[in-house]
Protein backbone atom coordinates (compact mmCIF):
# COMPACT_ATOMS: atom_id res chain seq x y z
CA MET A 1 74.63 103.59 100.24
CA GLU A 2 74.91 100.20 101.88
CA ASN A 3 78.17 99.26 99.32
CA LYS A 4 79.84 102.77 100.74
CA ASN A 5 79.18 102.02 104.47
CA THR A 6 80.30 98.73 104.28
CA ASP A 7 83.98 100.05 102.09
CA LYS A 8 84.32 102.17 105.55
CA VAL A 9 83.82 99.65 107.89
CA LYS A 10 86.64 97.37 105.61
CA GLY A 11 88.53 100.60 105.52
CA LEU A 12 89.06 101.35 109.48
CA ILE A 13 89.82 97.35 110.20
CA ILE A 14 92.76 97.26 107.99
CA GLY A 15 93.92 100.46 108.88
CA PHE A 16 92.87 98.80 113.03
CA PHE A 17 95.76 95.99 111.75
CA ILE A 18 97.92 97.92 109.73
CA GLY A 19 98.44 100.58 113.19
CA ILE A 20 98.52 97.50 115.22
CA PHE A 21 101.36 94.92 112.98
CA THR A 22 102.76 99.31 113.41
CA THR A 23 103.16 99.27 116.82
CA THR A 24 105.00 95.41 116.93
CA ILE A 25 107.30 96.39 114.14
CA GLY A 26 107.84 99.23 116.19
CA SER A 27 108.21 97.43 119.55
CA TYR A 28 110.22 94.11 117.42
CA LEU A 29 112.61 97.21 116.32
CA PHE A 30 113.58 99.30 119.82
CA VAL A 31 113.89 95.59 121.32
CA THR A 32 115.98 94.18 118.97
CA LEU A 33 118.02 97.12 118.15
CA ILE A 34 118.43 99.57 121.64
CA MET A 35 117.86 96.72 123.75
CA GLN A 36 120.60 94.43 121.42
CA SER A 37 118.39 91.47 122.76
CA ASP A 38 115.60 88.57 121.76
CA PHE A 39 112.43 89.64 121.09
CA LEU A 40 110.62 87.60 123.53
CA GLU A 41 113.39 87.84 126.35
CA GLY A 42 113.63 91.14 125.68
CA ILE A 43 109.32 92.05 126.55
CA SER A 44 110.18 89.05 129.21
CA ILE A 45 112.50 91.50 130.95
CA ILE A 46 110.92 94.75 129.96
CA LYS A 47 107.17 93.49 131.35
CA SER A 48 109.59 92.12 134.69
CA GLN A 49 110.21 95.96 134.48
CA GLY A 50 106.37 96.84 134.46
CA ASP A 51 107.86 99.30 131.82
CA LEU A 52 106.10 97.79 128.86
CA GLY A 53 103.54 100.03 127.84
CA LYS A 54 105.91 102.55 127.21
CA ILE A 55 108.01 99.69 124.86
CA ILE A 56 104.04 99.95 123.21
CA THR A 57 104.15 103.48 122.63
CA LEU A 58 107.38 103.75 121.59
CA GLY A 59 106.84 101.29 118.90
CA ALA A 60 103.25 104.00 118.34
CA VAL A 61 105.74 105.80 116.88
CA LEU A 62 105.26 104.61 113.75
CA ASN A 63 101.83 105.06 113.26
CA ILE A 64 102.78 108.52 112.87
CA ILE A 65 104.56 107.50 109.61
CA THR A 66 102.28 105.69 108.61
CA PHE A 67 98.96 108.39 108.86
CA PHE A 68 100.31 110.68 107.06
CA VAL A 69 101.81 108.26 104.21
CA LEU A 70 97.91 106.52 104.12
CA LEU A 71 96.63 110.89 104.25
CA LYS A 72 99.67 111.45 101.68
CA LEU A 73 97.50 108.78 99.32
CA ASN A 74 93.95 109.69 99.89
CA LYS A 75 93.13 107.24 101.85
CA GLU A 76 91.51 108.82 104.98
CA ILE A 77 89.55 105.99 106.07
CA ILE A 78 92.56 103.86 106.45
CA ALA A 79 94.17 106.55 108.14
CA ARG A 80 91.13 106.81 110.71
CA GLY A 81 91.44 103.47 111.35
CA VAL A 82 95.63 103.59 112.05
CA ILE A 83 94.56 106.63 114.76
CA PHE A 84 91.47 104.27 116.27
CA ALA A 85 94.31 101.72 116.68
CA THR A 86 96.54 104.52 118.13
CA ILE A 87 93.91 105.13 120.63
CA LEU A 88 93.14 101.53 121.80
CA LEU A 89 96.79 101.18 122.94
CA THR A 90 96.76 103.97 124.75
CA VAL A 91 94.28 102.91 126.88
CA PHE A 92 95.74 100.05 126.83
CA THR A 93 99.61 101.47 128.23
CA LEU A 94 97.17 102.66 131.00
CA PHE A 95 96.54 99.83 131.85
CA VAL A 96 99.44 97.84 131.75
């Protein structure tokens, strides 16, 4: 019984970090490809304009793809972790 709960917690944590990582990759791709700028320089410009939350939101779009791929692979617990990361990022963007 305890092993099953431990596996669920591990799956949620793995999914959470996958969600954060995927959002970071999405934000990186947006800044480098769309803005055609260095990532750190682009983030500084975006932050000074007050649009950092929008970039994080655009980066989180990749979480949708990740979520459905995990569901297709029958990794429901990890997919829940990705959703948890997305929810926390949503709350975070409200304050950024």
